[in-house]
């Protein structure tokens, strides 16, 4: 889903608590990419800006490339590597995790109804 949402081979996202986050220039438009998540984007230019699960709101993820200082972001973990394209060689030394391996995650993802189409 991240590949479709960004049009890239992966989504580079930085996450944190919504309480520690603020939009500094305008308010993005939002698209419900599934019944479980919404994605923010610039309504003027279309730049993907954020991702957030609608179910808990515990974290918001912003696209690193849209930040004023993306060089300040420290990569600490990769998620969703089961969708990594075989020719992508990126951050091999950063710890990685497959999405949906736990029973709880599988149950959560089984309830997903995707709104994005090709």
Protein backbone atom coordinates (compact mmCIF):
# COMPACT_ATOMS: atom_id res chain seq x y z
CA UNK A 1 0.00 0.00 0.00
CA UNK A 2 2.86 2.40 0.74
CA UNK A 3 4.27 1.80 -2.74
CA UNK A 4 0.93 2.75 -4.30
CA UNK A 5 0.42 5.73 -2.03
CA UNK A 6 3.82 7.26 -2.75
CA UNK A 7 4.40 6.01 -6.28
CA UNK A 8 7.84 4.92 -5.11
CA UNK A 9 9.43 1.56 -4.42
CA UNK A 10 9.08 2.19 -0.66
CA UNK A 11 7.79 4.87 1.68
CA UNK A 12 10.39 6.59 3.85
CA UNK A 13 8.43 7.57 6.96
CA UNK A 14 9.33 9.02 10.36
CA UNK A 15 6.87 8.28 13.16
CA UNK A 16 6.00 9.86 16.44
CA UNK A 17 3.26 10.84 18.85
CA UNK A 18 0.63 13.20 17.40
CA UNK A 19 1.11 15.31 20.54
CA UNK A 20 4.69 16.01 19.44
CA UNK A 21 3.67 16.90 15.91
CA UNK A 22 2.21 19.98 14.21
CA UNK A 23 1.64 21.07 10.63
CA UNK A 24 3.59 24.31 10.18
CA UNK A 25 2.36 25.41 6.76
CA UNK A 26 -1.31 24.87 6.09
CA UNK A 27 -3.39 21.76 6.61
CA UNK A 28 -3.13 18.73 4.33
CA UNK A 29 -5.98 17.02 2.57
CA UNK A 30 -6.62 13.42 3.61
CA UNK A 31 -7.46 10.22 1.76
CA UNK A 32 -8.68 7.06 3.48
CA UNK A 33 -6.39 4.52 1.81
CA UNK A 34 -8.25 1.78 3.67
CA UNK A 35 -10.88 1.47 6.36
CA UNK A 36 -8.00 1.42 8.87
CA UNK A 37 -5.72 4.26 7.75
CA UNK A 38 -5.63 7.71 6.26
CA UNK A 39 -2.92 9.46 4.31
CA UNK A 40 -2.28 13.18 4.23
CA UNK A 41 -1.16 14.96 1.08
CA UNK A 42 -0.71 18.51 -0.17
CA UNK A 43 -3.96 19.50 -1.91
CA UNK A 44 -2.05 21.98 -4.10
CA UNK A 45 0.80 19.83 -5.42
CA UNK A 46 -0.09 16.26 -4.43
CA UNK A 47 3.01 15.56 -2.33
CA UNK A 48 2.40 12.62 0.03
CA UNK A 49 2.83 13.93 3.59
CA UNK A 50 1.62 11.48 6.22
CA UNK A 51 0.15 8.15 7.24
CA UNK A 52 -1.89 7.36 10.33
CA UNK A 53 -3.99 4.43 11.44
CA UNK A 54 -7.53 5.64 12.16
CA UNK A 55 -8.11 2.93 14.75
CA UNK A 56 -5.82 4.14 17.53
CA UNK A 57 -4.22 7.45 16.59
CA UNK A 58 -1.23 6.55 18.74
CA UNK A 59 1.33 7.51 16.10
CA UNK A 60 1.55 9.64 13.00
CA UNK A 61 4.10 8.98 10.29
CA UNK A 62 5.36 11.72 7.98
CA UNK A 63 7.18 11.30 4.69
CA UNK A 64 10.84 12.02 5.38
CA UNK A 65 11.38 13.69 2.02
CA UNK A 66 8.68 16.28 2.79
CA UNK A 67 10.42 17.48 5.98
CA UNK A 68 12.36 20.75 6.01
CA UNK A 69 15.45 18.87 7.24
CA UNK A 70 15.23 15.21 6.18
CA UNK A 71 18.94 14.82 6.88
CA UNK A 72 18.19 15.12 10.62
CA UNK A 73 16.10 11.93 10.69
CA UNK A 74 17.84 8.88 12.13
CA UNK A 75 16.70 5.59 10.61
CA UNK A 76 16.13 3.07 13.39
CA UNK A 77 13.91 0.38 11.85
CA UNK A 78 12.44 -0.77 8.56
CA UNK A 79 8.90 -2.14 8.43
CA UNK A 80 7.12 -4.12 5.75
CA UNK A 81 10.20 -5.67 4.23
CA UNK A 82 8.11 -8.56 2.87
CA UNK A 83 7.10 -6.15 0.06
CA UNK A 84 10.67 -5.06 -0.68
CA UNK A 85 11.48 -5.40 -4.36
CA UNK A 86 14.40 -7.77 -4.92
CA UNK A 87 16.59 -5.16 -6.62
CA UNK A 88 16.19 -2.53 -3.88
CA UNK A 89 19.39 -2.33 -1.83
CA UNK A 90 18.84 0.22 0.89
CA UNK A 91 19.78 0.45 4.57
CA UNK A 92 20.95 -3.15 4.85
CA UNK A 93 22.37 -2.39 8.31
CA UNK A 94 19.10 -0.97 9.70
CA UNK A 95 17.04 -3.50 11.72
CA UNK A 96 14.01 -4.75 9.79
CA UNK A 97 10.62 -6.24 10.57
CA UNK A 98 8.03 -8.02 8.50
CA UNK A 99 4.53 -6.57 8.81
CA UNK A 100 1.83 -8.83 10.13
CA UNK A 101 3.80 -11.71 11.60
CA UNK A 102 2.10 -11.71 15.00
CA UNK A 103 -1.40 -13.12 15.45
CA UNK A 104 -2.61 -9.70 16.61
CA UNK A 105 -1.21 -7.99 13.50
CA UNK A 106 -2.68 -10.66 11.22
CA UNK A 107 -6.10 -10.15 12.78
CA UNK A 108 -5.79 -6.35 12.36
CA UNK A 109 -4.71 -6.62 8.72
CA UNK A 110 -7.41 -9.20 7.92
CA UNK A 111 -10.02 -6.51 8.66
CA UNK A 112 -8.45 -4.11 6.15
CA UNK A 113 -10.50 -3.06 3.14
CA UNK A 114 -8.18 -1.31 0.69
CA UNK A 115 -9.45 1.86 -1.03
CA UNK A 116 -6.48 2.23 -3.37
CA UNK A 117 -6.71 0.64 -6.78
CA UNK A 118 -4.47 0.38 -9.78
